C-alpha atoms as a PDB file:
ATOM      1  CA  UNK A   1     -15.997 -19.976  18.777  1.00  0.00           C
ATOM      2  CA  UNK A   2     -19.138 -17.927  19.394  1.00  0.00           C
ATOM      3  CA  UNK A   3     -20.707 -15.818  16.641  1.00  0.00           C
ATOM      4  CA  UNK A   4     -22.141 -12.527  17.874  1.00  0.00           C
ATOM      5  CA  UNK A   5     -23.524 -10.984  14.660  1.00  0.00           C
ATOM      6  CA  UNK A   6     -24.164 -11.819  11.030  1.00  0.00           C
ATOM      7  CA  UNK A   7     -24.999  -9.827   7.919  1.00  0.00           C
ATOM      8  CA  UNK A   8     -25.212 -10.652   4.222  1.00  0.00           C
ATOM      9  CA  UNK A   9     -23.501  -8.090   1.982  1.00  0.00           C
ATOM     10  CA  UNK A  10     -24.743  -6.980  -1.430  1.00  0.00           C
ATOM     11  CA  UNK A  11     -22.499  -9.460  -3.276  1.00  0.00           C
ATOM     12  CA  UNK A  12     -23.744 -12.388  -1.185  1.00  0.00           C
ATOM     13  CA  UNK A  13     -20.713 -12.507   1.110  1.00  0.00           C
ATOM     14  CA  UNK A  14     -21.643 -13.310   4.714  1.00  0.00           C
ATOM     15  CA  UNK A  15     -19.824 -11.232   7.353  1.00  0.00           C
ATOM     16  CA  UNK A  16     -19.865 -12.597  10.910  1.00  0.00           C
ATOM     17  CA  UNK A  17     -18.329 -11.241  14.087  1.00  0.00           C
ATOM     18  CA  UNK A  18     -17.074 -13.822  16.573  1.00  0.00           C
ATOM     19  CA  UNK A  19     -15.226 -14.281  19.818  1.00  0.00           C
ATOM     20  CA  UNK A  20     -12.884 -17.098  20.725  1.00  0.00           C
ATOM     21  CA  UNK A  21     -12.121 -16.853  24.409  1.00  0.00           C
ATOM     22  CA  UNK A  22     -11.055 -13.221  24.818  1.00  0.00           C
ATOM     23  CA  UNK A  23     -10.147 -12.827  21.141  1.00  0.00           C
ATOM     24  CA  UNK A  24     -12.577 -10.911  18.893  1.00  0.00           C
ATOM     25  CA  UNK A  25     -12.589 -11.577  15.182  1.00  0.00           C
ATOM     26  CA  UNK A  26     -14.434 -11.263  11.870  1.00  0.00           C
ATOM     27  CA  UNK A  27     -15.116 -13.982   9.315  1.00  0.00           C
ATOM     28  CA  UNK A  28     -16.169 -13.374   5.715  1.00  0.00           C
ATOM     29  CA  UNK A  29     -17.441 -16.336   3.685  1.00  0.00           C
ATOM     30  CA  UNK A  30     -18.311 -16.299  -0.016  1.00  0.00           C
ATOM     31  CA  UNK A  31     -21.728 -16.884  -1.509  1.00  0.00           C
ATOM     32  CA  UNK A  32     -20.612 -20.133  -3.180  1.00  0.00           C
ATOM     33  CA  UNK A  33     -21.976 -23.342  -1.577  1.00  0.00           C
ATOM     34  CA  UNK A  34     -18.653 -25.117  -2.216  1.00  0.00           C
ATOM     35  CA  UNK A  35     -16.116 -25.413   0.643  1.00  0.00           C
ATOM     36  CA  UNK A  36     -13.842 -22.376   0.495  1.00  0.00           C
ATOM     37  CA  UNK A  37     -10.076 -22.175   0.998  1.00  0.00           C
ATOM     38  CA  UNK A  38      -9.159 -19.963   3.956  1.00  0.00           C
ATOM     39  CA  UNK A  39      -7.019 -16.829   4.131  1.00  0.00           C
ATOM     40  CA  UNK A  40      -5.862 -15.518   7.519  1.00  0.00           C
ATOM     41  CA  UNK A  41      -5.559 -11.725   7.237  1.00  0.00           C
ATOM     42  CA  UNK A  42      -3.476 -10.209  10.035  1.00  0.00           C
ATOM     43  CA  UNK A  43      -2.525  -6.685  11.069  1.00  0.00           C
ATOM     44  CA  UNK A  44      -0.632  -4.991  13.888  1.00  0.00           C
ATOM     45  CA  UNK A  45       0.427  -1.510  15.027  1.00  0.00           C
ATOM     46  CA  UNK A  46      -2.682  -1.206  17.180  1.00  0.00           C
ATOM     47  CA  UNK A  47      -5.060  -1.226  14.198  1.00  0.00           C
ATOM     48  CA  UNK A  48      -8.535  -2.667  14.794  1.00  0.00           C
ATOM     49  CA  UNK A  49      -9.850  -5.617  12.815  1.00  0.00           C
ATOM     50  CA  UNK A  50     -12.381  -3.182  11.341  1.00  0.00           C
ATOM     51  CA  UNK A  51      -9.702  -0.995   9.732  1.00  0.00           C
ATOM     52  CA  UNK A  52     -11.191   0.067   6.358  1.00  0.00           C
ATOM     53  CA  UNK A  53      -8.164  -1.037   4.312  1.00  0.00           C
ATOM     54  CA  UNK A  54      -8.178  -4.500   5.856  1.00  0.00           C
ATOM     55  CA  UNK A  55     -11.953  -4.878   5.467  1.00  0.00           C
ATOM     56  CA  UNK A  56     -11.768  -3.857   1.803  1.00  0.00           C
ATOM     57  CA  UNK A  57      -9.046  -6.444   1.142  1.00  0.00           C
ATOM     58  CA  UNK A  58     -10.978  -9.131   2.995  1.00  0.00           C
ATOM     59  CA  UNK A  59     -14.214  -8.493   1.120  1.00  0.00           C
ATOM     60  CA  UNK A  60     -12.415  -8.550  -2.206  1.00  0.00           C
ATOM     61  CA  UNK A  61     -10.785 -11.891  -1.361  1.00  0.00           C
ATOM     62  CA  UNK A  62     -14.190 -13.263  -0.333  1.00  0.00           C
ATOM     63  CA  UNK A  63     -15.495 -12.212  -3.755  1.00  0.00           C
ATOM     64  CA  UNK A  64     -12.711 -14.360  -5.244  1.00  0.00           C
ATOM     65  CA  UNK A  65     -14.155 -17.370  -3.420  1.00  0.00           C
ATOM     66  CA  UNK A  66     -12.137 -17.377  -0.196  1.00  0.00           C
ATOM     67  CA  UNK A  67     -13.182 -17.521   3.426  1.00  0.00           C
ATOM     68  CA  UNK A  68     -11.246 -14.717   5.126  1.00  0.00           C
ATOM     69  CA  UNK A  69     -10.714 -14.228   8.846  1.00  0.00           C
ATOM     70  CA  UNK A  70      -9.034 -11.611  10.985  1.00  0.00           C
ATOM     71  CA  UNK A  71      -8.670 -11.131  14.736  1.00  0.00           C
ATOM     72  CA  UNK A  72      -7.511  -8.327  16.984  1.00  0.00           C
ATOM     73  CA  UNK A  73      -4.006  -9.050  18.252  1.00  0.00           C
ATOM     74  CA  UNK A  74      -3.261  -8.443  21.946  1.00  0.00           C
ATOM     75  CA  UNK A  75      -3.295  -4.706  22.609  1.00  0.00           C
ATOM     76  CA  UNK A  76      -4.881  -3.937  19.222  1.00  0.00           C
ATOM     77  CA  UNK A  77      -8.340  -2.668  18.371  1.00  0.00           C
ATOM     78  CA  UNK A  78     -10.697  -2.867  21.335  1.00  0.00           C
ATOM     79  CA  UNK A  79      -8.512  -5.247  23.319  1.00  0.00           C
ATOM     80  CA  UNK A  80      -7.049  -3.782  26.522  1.00  0.00           C
ATOM     81  CA  UNK A  81      -3.534  -2.445  26.500  1.00  0.00           C
ATOM     82  CA  UNK A  82      -1.209  -3.058  29.405  1.00  0.00           C
ATOM     83  CA  UNK A  83       0.782  -0.359  31.147  1.00  0.00           C
ATOM     84  CA  UNK A  84       3.886  -1.772  29.439  1.00  0.00           C
ATOM     85  CA  UNK A  85       2.174  -1.417  26.025  1.00  0.00           C
ATOM     86  CA  UNK A  86       1.332   2.216  26.680  1.00  0.00           C
ATOM     87  CA  UNK A  87       4.818   2.969  27.976  1.00  0.00           C
ATOM     88  CA  UNK A  88       6.447   1.388  24.905  1.00  0.00           C
ATOM     89  CA  UNK A  89       4.206   3.332  22.529  1.00  0.00           C
ATOM     90  CA  UNK A  90       4.875   6.583  24.366  1.00  0.00           C
ATOM     91  CA  UNK A  91       8.633   5.952  24.305  1.00  0.00           C
ATOM     92  CA  UNK A  92       8.433   5.135  20.595  1.00  0.00           C
ATOM     93  CA  UNK A  93       6.597   8.378  19.827  1.00  0.00           C
ATOM     94  CA  UNK A  94       9.101  10.372  21.881  1.00  0.00           C
ATOM     95  CA  UNK A  95      12.112   8.763  20.174  1.00  0.00           C
ATOM     96  CA  UNK A  96      10.669   9.290  16.700  1.00  0.00           C
ATOM     97  CA  UNK A  97       9.964  12.970  17.400  1.00  0.00           C
ATOM     98  CA  UNK A  98      13.527  13.375  18.669  1.00  0.00           C
ATOM     99  CA  UNK A  99      15.023  11.532  15.692  1.00  0.00           C
ATOM    100  CA  UNK A 100      16.586   8.902  17.949  1.00  0.00           C
ATOM    101  CA  UNK A 101      17.160   5.223  17.037  1.00  0.00           C
ATOM    102  CA  UNK A 102      14.029   3.164  17.615  1.00  0.00           C
ATOM    103  CA  UNK A 103      15.109  -0.408  16.823  1.00  0.00           C
ATOM    104  CA  UNK A 104      15.520  -1.497  20.437  1.00  0.00           C
ATOM    105  CA  UNK A 105      12.161  -0.004  21.403  1.00  0.00           C
ATOM    106  CA  UNK A 106      10.510  -1.889  18.563  1.00  0.00           C
ATOM    107  CA  UNK A 107      12.369  -5.053  19.561  1.00  0.00           C
ATOM    108  CA  UNK A 108      11.100  -4.884  23.143  1.00  0.00           C
ATOM    109  CA  UNK A 109       7.543  -4.226  21.966  1.00  0.00           C
ATOM    110  CA  UNK A 110       6.976  -6.192  18.743  1.00  0.00           C
ATOM    111  CA  UNK A 111       8.874  -9.326  19.798  1.00  0.00           C
ATOM    112  CA  UNK A 112       6.575 -10.127  22.753  1.00  0.00           C
ATOM    113  CA  UNK A 113       3.531  -9.178  20.674  1.00  0.00           C
ATOM    114  CA  UNK A 114       4.403 -11.855  18.100  1.00  0.00           C
ATOM    115  CA  UNK A 115       4.853 -14.402  20.893  1.00  0.00           C
ATOM    116  CA  UNK A 116       1.396 -13.605  22.276  1.00  0.00           C
ATOM    117  CA  UNK A 117      -0.395 -13.380  18.922  1.00  0.00           C
ATOM    118  CA  UNK A 118       0.868 -16.598  17.298  1.00  0.00           C
ATOM    119  CA  UNK A 119      -0.931 -19.032  19.684  1.00  0.00           C
ATOM    120  CA  UNK A 120      -4.159 -17.057  19.329  1.00  0.00           C
ATOM    121  CA  UNK A 121      -3.975 -17.331  15.551  1.00  0.00           C
ATOM    122  CA  UNK A 122      -3.339 -21.081  15.748  1.00  0.00           C
ATOM    123  CA  UNK A 123      -6.352 -21.509  18.046  1.00  0.00           C
ATOM    124  CA  UNK A 124      -8.432 -19.424  15.642  1.00  0.00           C
ATOM    125  CA  UNK A 125      -7.284 -21.576  12.730  1.00  0.00           C
ATOM    126  CA  UNK A 126      -8.312 -24.738  14.605  1.00  0.00           C
ATOM    127  CA  UNK A 127     -11.790 -23.321  15.223  1.00  0.00           C
ATOM    128  CA  UNK A 128     -12.253 -22.020  11.672  1.00  0.00           C
ATOM    129  CA  UNK A 129     -11.313 -25.293   9.992  1.00  0.00           C
ATOM    130  CA  UNK A 130     -13.898 -27.066  12.137  1.00  0.00           C
ATOM    131  CA  UNK A 131     -16.694 -24.936  10.631  1.00  0.00           C
ATOM    132  CA  UNK A 132     -18.826 -26.220   7.748  1.00  0.00           C
ATOM    133  CA  UNK A 133     -18.030 -24.591   4.419  1.00  0.00           C
ATOM    134  CA  UNK A 134     -14.365 -23.882   5.205  1.00  0.00           C
ATOM    135  CA  UNK A 135     -11.561 -26.166   4.128  1.00  0.00           C
ATOM    136  CA  UNK A 136      -7.895 -26.116   3.324  1.00  0.00           C
ATOM    137  CA  UNK A 137      -5.495 -25.228   2.054  1.00  0.00           C
ATOM    138  CA  UNK A 138      -4.785 -22.091   4.095  1.00  0.00           C
ATOM    139  CA  UNK A 139      -3.130 -18.837   3.074  1.00  0.00           C
ATOM    140  CA  UNK A 140      -1.773 -15.989   5.179  1.00  0.00           C
ATOM    141  CA  UNK A 141      -1.788 -12.277   4.284  1.00  0.00           C
ATOM    142  CA  UNK A 142      -0.481  -9.249   6.142  1.00  0.00           C
ATOM    143  CA  UNK A 143       1.783  -8.599   9.130  1.00  0.00           C
ATOM    144  CA  UNK A 144       5.243  -9.908   8.227  1.00  0.00           C
ATOM    145  CA  UNK A 145       6.684 -10.630  11.683  1.00  0.00           C
ATOM    146  CA  UNK A 146       3.711 -12.785  12.687  1.00  0.00           C
ATOM    147  CA  UNK A 147       3.526 -14.320   9.215  1.00  0.00           C
ATOM    148  CA  UNK A 148       7.098 -15.553   9.412  1.00  0.00           C
ATOM    149  CA  UNK A 149       6.420 -17.226  12.750  1.00  0.00           C
ATOM    150  CA  UNK A 150       3.241 -18.910  11.488  1.00  0.00           C
ATOM    151  CA  UNK A 151       4.723 -19.945   8.131  1.00  0.00           C
ATOM    152  CA  UNK A 152       7.545 -21.709   9.983  1.00  0.00           C
ATOM    153  CA  UNK A 153       5.504 -23.326  12.769  1.00  0.00           C
ATOM    154  CA  UNK A 154       2.083 -23.950  11.186  1.00  0.00           C
ATOM    155  CA  UNK A 155       2.186 -26.684   8.498  1.00  0.00           C
ATOM    156  CA  UNK A 156      -1.384 -25.956   7.365  1.00  0.00           C
ATOM    157  CA  UNK A 157      -0.292 -22.646   5.790  1.00  0.00           C
ATOM    158  CA  UNK A 158       0.405 -23.310   2.108  1.00  0.00           C
ATOM    159  CA  UNK A 159       1.194 -19.794   0.794  1.00  0.00           C
ATOM    160  CA  UNK A 160       1.813 -16.347   2.256  1.00  0.00           C
ATOM    161  CA  UNK A 161       1.642 -12.705   1.266  1.00  0.00           C
ATOM    162  CA  UNK A 162       3.688 -10.323   3.426  1.00  0.00           C
ATOM    163  CA  UNK A 163       3.668  -6.533   3.613  1.00  0.00           C
ATOM    164  CA  UNK A 164       7.217  -5.242   4.031  1.00  0.00           C
ATOM    165  CA  UNK A 165       6.170  -2.261   6.153  1.00  0.00           C
ATOM    166  CA  UNK A 166       6.682  -2.617   9.883  1.00  0.00           C
ATOM    167  CA  UNK A 167       9.495  -3.738  12.126  1.00  0.00           C
ATOM    168  CA  UNK A 168      10.489  -7.420  12.029  1.00  0.00           C
ATOM    169  CA  UNK A 169      12.206  -8.560  15.261  1.00  0.00           C
ATOM    170  CA  UNK A 170      15.581 -10.273  15.177  1.00  0.00           C
ATOM    171  CA  UNK A 171      14.037 -13.648  16.049  1.00  0.00           C
ATOM    172  CA  UNK A 172      11.777 -13.571  12.998  1.00  0.00           C
ATOM    173  CA  UNK A 173      14.519 -12.265  10.705  1.00  0.00           C
ATOM    174  CA  UNK A 174      16.569 -15.286  11.783  1.00  0.00           C
ATOM    175  CA  UNK A 175      13.604 -17.565  11.035  1.00  0.00           C
ATOM    176  CA  UNK A 176      13.124 -16.153   7.532  1.00  0.00           C
ATOM    177  CA  UNK A 177      15.413 -18.760   5.964  1.00  0.00           C
ATOM    178  CA  UNK A 178      13.039 -21.460   7.285  1.00  0.00           C
ATOM    179  CA  UNK A 179      10.076 -20.061   5.316  1.00  0.00           C
ATOM    180  CA  UNK A 180       9.577 -22.520   2.459  1.00  0.00           C
ATOM    181  CA  UNK A 181       6.006 -21.824   1.282  1.00  0.00           C
ATOM    182  CA  UNK A 182       5.372 -19.764  -1.885  1.00  0.00           C
ATOM    183  CA  UNK A 183       5.680 -16.094  -0.973  1.00  0.00           C
ATOM    184  CA  UNK A 184       4.506 -12.742  -2.350  1.00  0.00           C
ATOM    185  CA  UNK A 185       6.319  -9.808  -0.705  1.00  0.00           C
ATOM    186  CA  UNK A 186       4.940  -6.268  -1.119  1.00  0.00           C
ATOM    187  CA  UNK A 187       7.266  -3.310  -0.659  1.00  0.00           C
ATOM    188  CA  UNK A 188       6.435   0.390  -0.722  1.00  0.00           C
ATOM    189  CA  UNK A 189       9.633   1.912  -2.078  1.00  0.00           C
ATOM    190  CA  UNK A 190       9.339   5.130  -0.071  1.00  0.00           C
ATOM    191  CA  UNK A 191       7.948   3.673   3.166  1.00  0.00           C
ATOM    192  CA  UNK A 192       8.922   6.226   5.787  1.00  0.00           C
ATOM    193  CA  UNK A 193       8.876   3.676   8.607  1.00  0.00           C
ATOM    194  CA  UNK A 194      10.660   0.783   6.932  1.00  0.00           C
ATOM    195  CA  UNK A 195      14.226   1.162   5.606  1.00  0.00           C
ATOM    196  CA  UNK A 196      14.231  -0.128   2.036  1.00  0.00           C
ATOM    197  CA  UNK A 197      17.490  -2.053   2.311  1.00  0.00           C
ATOM    198  CA  UNK A 198      16.289  -3.881   5.410  1.00  0.00           C
ATOM    199  CA  UNK A 199      13.206  -5.030   3.503  1.00  0.00           C
ATOM    200  CA  UNK A 200      15.314  -6.136   0.527  1.00  0.00           C
ATOM    201  CA  UNK A 201      17.680  -8.030   2.822  1.00  0.00           C
ATOM    202  CA  UNK A 202      14.708  -9.797   4.429  1.00  0.00           C
ATOM    203  CA  UNK A 203      13.347 -10.797   1.019  1.00  0.00           C
ATOM    204  CA  UNK A 204      16.753 -12.198   0.111  1.00  0.00           C
ATOM    205  CA  UNK A 205      16.817 -14.217   3.360  1.00  0.00           C
ATOM    206  CA  UNK A 206      13.555 -16.085   2.790  1.00  0.00           C
ATOM    207  CA  UNK A 207      14.335 -19.739   2.174  1.00  0.00           C
ATOM    208  CA  UNK A 208      11.504 -20.509  -0.234  1.00  0.00           C
ATOM    209  CA  UNK A 209      12.353 -21.356  -3.830  1.00  0.00           C
ATOM    210  CA  UNK A 210       9.226 -19.541  -5.001  1.00  0.00           C
ATOM    211  CA  UNK A 211       9.204 -15.920  -3.906  1.00  0.00           C
ATOM    212  CA  UNK A 212       8.122 -12.767  -5.711  1.00  0.00           C
ATOM    213  CA  UNK A 213       8.829  -9.142  -4.801  1.00  0.00           C
ATOM    214  CA  UNK A 214       6.401  -6.412  -5.891  1.00  0.00           C
ATOM    215  CA  UNK A 215       7.742  -2.894  -5.264  1.00  0.00           C
ATOM    216  CA  UNK A 216       5.727   0.268  -5.836  1.00  0.00           C
ATOM    217  CA  UNK A 217       6.547   3.930  -5.382  1.00  0.00           C
ATOM    218  CA  UNK A 218       4.905   5.641  -2.451  1.00  0.00           C
ATOM    219  CA  UNK A 219       4.682   5.669   1.325  1.00  0.00           C
ATOM    220  CA  UNK A 220       3.479   3.165   3.881  1.00  0.00           C
ATOM    221  CA  UNK A 221      -0.248   3.362   3.129  1.00  0.00           C
ATOM    222  CA  UNK A 222       0.089   3.845  -0.628  1.00  0.00           C
ATOM    223  CA  UNK A 223      -0.049   0.205  -1.789  1.00  0.00           C
ATOM    224  CA  UNK A 224      -1.954   0.272  -5.105  1.00  0.00           C
ATOM    225  CA  UNK A 225      -5.306  -1.513  -5.225  1.00  0.00           C
ATOM    226  CA  UNK A 226      -4.147  -3.667  -8.131  1.00  0.00           C
ATOM    227  CA  UNK A 227      -1.830  -5.428  -5.683  1.00  0.00           C
ATOM    228  CA  UNK A 228      -4.952  -6.749  -3.932  1.00  0.00           C
ATOM    229  CA  UNK A 229      -6.048  -8.251  -7.235  1.00  0.00           C
ATOM    230  CA  UNK A 230      -2.571  -9.680  -7.873  1.00  0.00           C
ATOM    231  CA  UNK A 231      -2.554 -11.093  -4.354  1.00  0.00           C
ATOM    232  CA  UNK A 232      -5.784 -12.948  -4.976  1.00  0.00           C
ATOM    233  CA  UNK A 233      -4.391 -14.372  -8.216  1.00  0.00           C
ATOM    234  CA  UNK A 234      -1.300 -15.463  -6.267  1.00  0.00           C
ATOM    235  CA  UNK A 235      -3.522 -17.334  -3.808  1.00  0.00           C
ATOM    236  CA  UNK A 236      -5.524 -18.793  -6.701  1.00  0.00           C
ATOM    237  CA  UNK A 237      -2.331 -20.435  -7.969  1.00  0.00           C
ATOM    238  CA  UNK A 238      -1.515 -22.027  -4.614  1.00  0.00           C
ATOM    239  CA  UNK A 239      -4.781 -22.583  -2.756  1.00  0.00           C
ATOM    240  CA  UNK A 240      -7.169 -23.729  -5.486  1.00  0.00           C
END
């Protein structure tokens, strides 16, 4: 892991950009000198790691005493997109404009993306836990499809917060019953890109004995800010 920049924010949080191989990322660490639990904060849909909503969530979690890290998934942010990526996105846009079914397009696109992203996140986790000032346990927040894969295959993850928006491939829906860590699941009731019943069925499938569903009115990007605060309290219960 190579750090490429560093700045101290007004609240004392240190924000550092890094690269790990070809993977760019950002790490926020709190002002406290004590070793901090770690939250992995993931996104998809081509969003960059500097997306303002993600950065705001990360900085707030750092203010709660967490080290927070995010990376750009393959094909997201500034990372190059393959011809297949561009073709899938173009086909998705065309199908949505035409009102055609899009599940199979999502399946062919999101499924491979999860397979590529999961090893990069595990390598990032290895590197982060080797840094001074960062310790376990580890939480995960964000992209549901990737989160399911990591919660099932990565024993260092002790709690997870998933956002119900976004397509979850069949492979990860099948894995949902193997998720056994405490789970907070956020659902926007009127999410235009995520059928409500599919999200409710996924929540029902999770195998953990400790799972909580928070549903709020509004569309995909309308998650209330108080859910960020509730999410940090959720991690406080399980990571501290």
